[in-house]
Amino acid sequence: MKDTWNTAGAESKIRENTIKRLMIVGQFLEDQVGINIRRQGLVDSADLLNSRYHALSGSDTVQIGVNVPYAAIHEFGGEIKQTVTEKQKRFFFARAYGEQKNHNRAQRKAKKG
C-alpha cells in the first residue's frame, strides 16, 4: 500500500506561513525606517514618519517605503530649486524690514533708558 500526501494542504500552509513571515519582516523593517528617520532628525511635522508602510507585493515579496514626495531628497540628497514669486519677495522684504525696524527701535530705547 502506497502512502499518499495531501500536498495541496501542505502548499497552502506553506504559503500562509510565508505570508505571515513576510509581513513580520515588513513590520520590522518599517519600524527600522522609523528609527532611522528619528535618528537623522527628520521629524518635524511627523508626516514623513507617519507615511511609512509595508505591503505584500506578489506572493514572495514585501515592499517597504514612504508616501511623501520629499522622502527621496532626504534619503539620497540633492538640490531643490524653487522660483521665488514677486509676492514672496514682497512678503519677506516686509518681514525683514519690519524686524530690522523693531530692532533699531529697541536699540534706541536701550540707549535712552
N, C-alpha and C. Protein backbone atom coordinates (compact mmCIF):
# COMPACT_ATOMS: atom_id res chain seq x y z
N MET A 1 0.83 -1.18 0.00
CA MET A 1 0.00 0.00 0.00
C MET A 1 0.88 1.25 0.00
N LYS A 2 0.54 2.19 -0.88
CA LYS A 2 1.32 3.41 -1.02
C LYS A 2 0.80 4.50 -0.08
N ASP A 3 1.75 5.27 0.48
CA ASP A 3 1.37 6.43 1.29
C ASP A 3 1.07 7.59 0.36
N THR A 4 0.01 8.27 0.61
CA THR A 4 -0.30 9.47 -0.17
C THR A 4 -0.26 10.68 0.75
N TRP A 5 0.23 11.77 0.20
CA TRP A 5 0.36 13.02 0.95
C TRP A 5 -0.63 14.03 0.39
N ASN A 6 -1.19 14.80 1.29
CA ASN A 6 -2.07 15.89 0.87
C ASN A 6 -1.20 17.11 0.57
N THR A 7 -0.65 17.16 -0.64
CA THR A 7 0.27 18.25 -0.98
C THR A 7 -0.45 19.59 -1.11
N ALA A 8 -1.71 19.56 -1.51
CA ALA A 8 -2.45 20.82 -1.64
C ALA A 8 -2.57 21.50 -0.28
N GLY A 9 -2.87 20.75 0.75
CA GLY A 9 -2.96 21.31 2.10
C GLY A 9 -1.62 21.79 2.60
N ALA A 10 -0.55 21.05 2.28
CA ALA A 10 0.79 21.45 2.71
C ALA A 10 1.22 22.73 2.00
N GLU A 11 0.95 22.82 0.72
CA GLU A 11 1.31 24.02 -0.04
C GLU A 11 0.56 25.24 0.50
N SER A 12 -0.70 25.04 0.83
CA SER A 12 -1.50 26.13 1.38
C SER A 12 -0.92 26.61 2.71
N LYS A 13 -0.54 25.67 3.57
CA LYS A 13 0.05 26.02 4.88
C LYS A 13 1.38 26.74 4.68
N ILE A 14 2.19 26.26 3.75
CA ILE A 14 3.49 26.90 3.48
C ILE A 14 3.27 28.33 2.99
N ARG A 15 2.31 28.52 2.09
CA ARG A 15 2.01 29.85 1.56
C ARG A 15 1.54 30.77 2.70
N GLU A 16 0.65 30.28 3.55
CA GLU A 16 0.17 31.08 4.69
C GLU A 16 1.32 31.49 5.61
N ASN A 17 2.18 30.52 5.93
CA ASN A 17 3.32 30.81 6.81
C ASN A 17 4.28 31.78 6.15
N THR A 18 4.49 31.65 4.85
CA THR A 18 5.38 32.57 4.14
C THR A 18 4.84 33.99 4.19
N ILE A 19 3.54 34.14 3.96
CA ILE A 19 2.91 35.46 4.00
C ILE A 19 3.02 36.06 5.41
N LYS A 20 2.75 35.27 6.43
CA LYS A 20 2.87 35.75 7.81
C LYS A 20 4.28 36.21 8.11
N ARG A 21 5.26 35.41 7.70
CA ARG A 21 6.66 35.77 7.97
C ARG A 21 7.08 37.01 7.19
N LEU A 22 6.62 37.12 5.94
CA LEU A 22 6.93 38.32 5.16
C LEU A 22 6.34 39.57 5.82
N MET A 23 5.13 39.47 6.33
CA MET A 23 4.51 40.62 6.99
C MET A 23 5.23 40.97 8.29
N ILE A 24 5.72 39.96 9.01
CA ILE A 24 6.50 40.21 10.22
C ILE A 24 7.80 40.93 9.86
N VAL A 25 8.47 40.45 8.83
CA VAL A 25 9.71 41.10 8.37
C VAL A 25 9.40 42.52 7.90
N GLY A 26 8.30 42.69 7.16
CA GLY A 26 7.92 44.02 6.69
C GLY A 26 7.68 44.98 7.84
N GLN A 27 6.99 44.53 8.89
CA GLN A 27 6.74 45.38 10.05
C GLN A 27 8.06 45.73 10.75
N PHE A 28 8.94 44.76 10.87
CA PHE A 28 10.24 45.01 11.48
C PHE A 28 11.01 46.06 10.69
N LEU A 29 11.04 45.91 9.37
CA LEU A 29 11.78 46.86 8.54
C LEU A 29 11.13 48.25 8.56
N GLU A 30 9.80 48.29 8.60
CA GLU A 30 9.11 49.57 8.71
C GLU A 30 9.49 50.26 10.01
N ASP A 31 9.57 49.50 11.09
CA ASP A 31 10.00 50.06 12.38
C ASP A 31 11.43 50.58 12.30
N GLN A 32 12.29 49.86 11.58
CA GLN A 32 13.68 50.30 11.42
C GLN A 32 13.75 51.60 10.62
N VAL A 33 12.88 51.74 9.63
CA VAL A 33 12.81 53.00 8.88
C VAL A 33 12.44 54.14 9.82
N GLY A 34 11.49 53.90 10.72
CA GLY A 34 11.09 54.92 11.69
C GLY A 34 12.24 55.31 12.61
N ILE A 35 13.00 54.32 13.05
CA ILE A 35 14.17 54.59 13.90
C ILE A 35 15.18 55.42 13.13
N ASN A 36 15.39 55.08 11.87
CA ASN A 36 16.34 55.81 11.04
C ASN A 36 15.88 57.25 10.82
N ILE A 37 14.60 57.45 10.59
CA ILE A 37 14.06 58.81 10.40
C ILE A 37 14.28 59.63 11.66
N ARG A 38 13.99 59.05 12.83
CA ARG A 38 14.21 59.78 14.10
C ARG A 38 15.68 60.06 14.34
N ARG A 39 16.52 59.06 14.07
CA ARG A 39 17.96 59.20 14.32
C ARG A 39 18.56 60.33 13.47
N GLN A 40 18.04 60.49 12.26
CA GLN A 40 18.56 61.54 11.38
C GLN A 40 17.94 62.91 11.68
N GLY A 41 17.01 62.96 12.63
CA GLY A 41 16.40 64.24 13.00
C GLY A 41 15.43 64.75 11.95
N LEU A 42 14.76 63.85 11.24
CA LEU A 42 13.86 64.25 10.17
C LEU A 42 12.40 64.34 10.61
N VAL A 43 12.18 64.47 11.91
CA VAL A 43 10.80 64.56 12.42
C VAL A 43 10.52 66.02 12.75
N ASP A 44 9.67 66.62 11.93
CA ASP A 44 9.23 67.99 12.19
C ASP A 44 7.73 67.97 12.40
N SER A 45 7.00 67.66 11.36
CA SER A 45 5.54 67.57 11.48
C SER A 45 5.08 66.12 11.61
N ALA A 46 5.99 65.18 11.56
CA ALA A 46 5.73 63.74 11.64
C ALA A 46 5.06 63.19 10.39
N ASP A 47 4.94 63.99 9.33
CA ASP A 47 4.36 63.49 8.08
C ASP A 47 5.21 62.37 7.49
N LEU A 48 6.52 62.57 7.47
CA LEU A 48 7.42 61.54 6.93
C LEU A 48 7.34 60.27 7.77
N LEU A 49 7.37 60.43 9.07
CA LEU A 49 7.30 59.28 9.96
C LEU A 49 5.99 58.52 9.81
N ASN A 50 4.90 59.24 9.67
CA ASN A 50 3.58 58.61 9.55
C ASN A 50 3.30 58.05 8.16
N SER A 51 4.15 58.35 7.19
CA SER A 51 3.90 57.88 5.82
C SER A 51 4.55 56.52 5.54
N ARG A 52 5.20 55.93 6.53
CA ARG A 52 5.85 54.62 6.33
C ARG A 52 4.79 53.55 6.07
N TYR A 53 5.15 52.58 5.26
CA TYR A 53 4.22 51.47 5.02
C TYR A 53 5.00 50.21 4.65
N HIS A 54 4.35 49.09 4.79
CA HIS A 54 4.84 47.82 4.23
C HIS A 54 3.64 47.08 3.69
N ALA A 55 3.85 46.40 2.57
CA ALA A 55 2.75 45.70 1.92
C ALA A 55 3.29 44.49 1.18
N LEU A 56 2.49 43.48 1.11
CA LEU A 56 2.84 42.29 0.35
C LEU A 56 2.75 42.62 -1.13
N SER A 57 3.80 42.32 -1.86
CA SER A 57 3.84 42.60 -3.29
C SER A 57 4.11 41.28 -4.00
N GLY A 58 3.09 40.70 -4.54
CA GLY A 58 3.24 39.37 -5.13
C GLY A 58 3.13 38.33 -4.03
N SER A 59 3.56 37.12 -4.33
CA SER A 59 3.43 36.05 -3.35
C SER A 59 4.67 35.86 -2.48
N ASP A 60 5.77 36.52 -2.86
CA ASP A 60 7.00 36.27 -2.11
C ASP A 60 7.84 37.53 -1.88
N THR A 61 7.20 38.69 -1.93
CA THR A 61 7.94 39.95 -1.79
C THR A 61 7.16 40.89 -0.88
N VAL A 62 7.88 41.59 -0.03
CA VAL A 62 7.25 42.63 0.78
C VAL A 62 7.88 43.95 0.37
N GLN A 63 7.05 44.97 0.23
CA GLN A 63 7.51 46.29 -0.18
C GLN A 63 7.47 47.22 1.02
N ILE A 64 8.56 47.95 1.24
CA ILE A 64 8.64 48.90 2.36
C ILE A 64 8.93 50.27 1.76
N GLY A 65 8.25 51.29 2.23
CA GLY A 65 8.51 52.61 1.70
C GLY A 65 7.82 53.70 2.48
N VAL A 66 7.87 54.90 1.91
CA VAL A 66 7.20 56.07 2.47
C VAL A 66 6.42 56.75 1.36
N ASN A 67 5.34 57.43 1.73
CA ASN A 67 4.45 58.02 0.73
C ASN A 67 4.47 59.54 0.71
N VAL A 68 5.62 60.15 0.86
CA VAL A 68 5.69 61.60 0.74
C VAL A 68 6.70 61.94 -0.35
N PRO A 69 6.43 62.98 -1.14
CA PRO A 69 7.30 63.26 -2.29
C PRO A 69 8.71 63.71 -1.92
N TYR A 70 8.90 64.25 -0.73
CA TYR A 70 10.23 64.77 -0.37
C TYR A 70 11.12 63.72 0.30
N ALA A 71 10.65 62.51 0.45
CA ALA A 71 11.44 61.48 1.13
C ALA A 71 12.74 61.18 0.38
N ALA A 72 12.70 61.17 -0.93
CA ALA A 72 13.89 60.84 -1.72
C ALA A 72 15.00 61.87 -1.51
N ILE A 73 14.64 63.14 -1.36
CA ILE A 73 15.66 64.17 -1.16
C ILE A 73 16.36 63.97 0.18
N HIS A 74 15.62 63.49 1.19
CA HIS A 74 16.23 63.20 2.48
C HIS A 74 17.11 61.96 2.39
N GLU A 75 16.68 60.98 1.65
CA GLU A 75 17.42 59.72 1.57
C GLU A 75 18.66 59.83 0.69
N PHE A 76 18.53 60.47 -0.47
CA PHE A 76 19.61 60.46 -1.45
C PHE A 76 20.30 61.81 -1.60
N GLY A 77 19.74 62.85 -1.00
CA GLY A 77 20.33 64.18 -1.15
C GLY A 77 19.90 64.81 -2.46
N GLY A 78 20.36 65.99 -2.70
CA GLY A 78 20.03 66.67 -3.94
C GLY A 78 19.79 68.14 -3.69
N GLU A 79 19.31 68.78 -4.71
CA GLU A 79 19.09 70.22 -4.64
C GLU A 79 17.65 70.51 -5.02
N ILE A 80 17.02 71.36 -4.25
CA ILE A 80 15.65 71.77 -4.55
C ILE A 80 15.71 73.18 -5.09
N LYS A 81 15.22 73.36 -6.29
CA LYS A 81 15.20 74.69 -6.89
C LYS A 81 13.77 75.20 -6.87
N GLN A 82 13.60 76.38 -6.33
CA GLN A 82 12.27 76.96 -6.24
C GLN A 82 12.32 78.37 -6.81
N THR A 83 11.35 78.70 -7.59
CA THR A 83 11.24 80.04 -8.14
C THR A 83 10.54 80.91 -7.09
N VAL A 84 11.15 82.03 -6.77
CA VAL A 84 10.57 82.95 -5.80
C VAL A 84 9.69 83.94 -6.55
N THR A 85 8.43 84.00 -6.18
CA THR A 85 7.48 84.89 -6.85
C THR A 85 7.62 86.31 -6.30
N GLU A 86 7.05 87.25 -7.02
CA GLU A 86 7.07 88.65 -6.57
C GLU A 86 6.35 88.80 -5.23
N LYS A 87 5.26 88.08 -5.06
CA LYS A 87 4.51 88.14 -3.81
C LYS A 87 5.38 87.66 -2.65
N GLN A 88 6.15 86.58 -2.86
CA GLN A 88 7.04 86.07 -1.82
C GLN A 88 8.14 87.08 -1.50
N LYS A 89 8.67 87.71 -2.54
CA LYS A 89 9.72 88.72 -2.32
C LYS A 89 9.19 89.87 -1.47
N ARG A 90 7.98 90.36 -1.79
CA ARG A 90 7.39 91.45 -1.02
C ARG A 90 7.17 91.04 0.44
N PHE A 91 6.68 89.83 0.63
CA PHE A 91 6.42 89.35 1.98
C PHE A 91 7.72 89.30 2.79
N PHE A 92 8.75 88.67 2.25
CA PHE A 92 10.00 88.52 3.00
C PHE A 92 10.71 89.85 3.20
N PHE A 93 10.62 90.75 2.21
CA PHE A 93 11.22 92.06 2.38
C PHE A 93 10.52 92.81 3.51
N ALA A 94 9.17 92.78 3.51
CA ALA A 94 8.41 93.46 4.56
C ALA A 94 8.73 92.83 5.92
N ARG A 95 8.85 91.54 5.94
CA ARG A 95 9.15 90.85 7.20
C ARG A 95 10.53 91.24 7.72
N ALA A 96 11.53 91.20 6.83
CA ALA A 96 12.89 91.54 7.23
C ALA A 96 13.00 93.01 7.61
N TYR A 97 12.35 93.89 6.84
CA TYR A 97 12.41 95.32 7.13
C TYR A 97 11.71 95.62 8.45
N GLY A 98 10.58 94.97 8.67
CA GLY A 98 9.85 95.17 9.92
C GLY A 98 10.65 94.72 11.12
N GLU A 99 11.34 93.61 11.02
CA GLU A 99 12.16 93.11 12.13
C GLU A 99 13.35 94.04 12.37
N GLN A 100 13.94 94.54 11.28
CA GLN A 100 15.06 95.47 11.42
C GLN A 100 14.59 96.76 12.08
N LYS A 101 13.42 97.22 11.67
CA LYS A 101 12.85 98.44 12.23
C LYS A 101 12.60 98.27 13.73
N ASN A 102 12.04 97.13 14.13
CA ASN A 102 11.79 96.85 15.54
C ASN A 102 13.09 96.73 16.31
N HIS A 103 14.11 96.15 15.69
CA HIS A 103 15.42 96.01 16.34
C HIS A 103 16.03 97.39 16.58
N ASN A 104 15.96 98.26 15.56
CA ASN A 104 16.50 99.61 15.70
C ASN A 104 15.76 100.39 16.78
N ARG A 105 14.45 100.24 16.85
CA ARG A 105 13.65 100.91 17.86
C ARG A 105 14.07 100.45 19.26
N ALA A 106 14.29 99.15 19.42
CA ALA A 106 14.70 98.61 20.72
C ALA A 106 16.07 99.13 21.10
N GLN A 107 16.97 99.27 20.14
CA GLN A 107 18.30 99.82 20.44
C GLN A 107 18.23 101.28 20.88
N ARG A 108 17.36 102.08 20.24
CA ARG A 108 17.22 103.48 20.61
C ARG A 108 16.65 103.59 22.04
N LYS A 109 15.68 102.73 22.37
CA LYS A 109 15.11 102.75 23.71
C LYS A 109 16.18 102.37 24.75
N ALA A 110 17.02 101.41 24.41
CA ALA A 110 18.06 100.97 25.35
C ALA A 110 19.07 102.08 25.60
N LYS A 111 19.40 102.85 24.58
CA LYS A 111 20.35 103.95 24.75
C LYS A 111 19.77 105.06 25.62
N LYS A 112 18.46 105.32 25.47
CA LYS A 112 17.81 106.36 26.25
C LYS A 112 17.65 105.96 27.71
N GLY A 113 17.35 104.65 27.91
CA GLY A 113 16.97 104.16 29.24
C GLY A 113 18.13 103.92 30.09
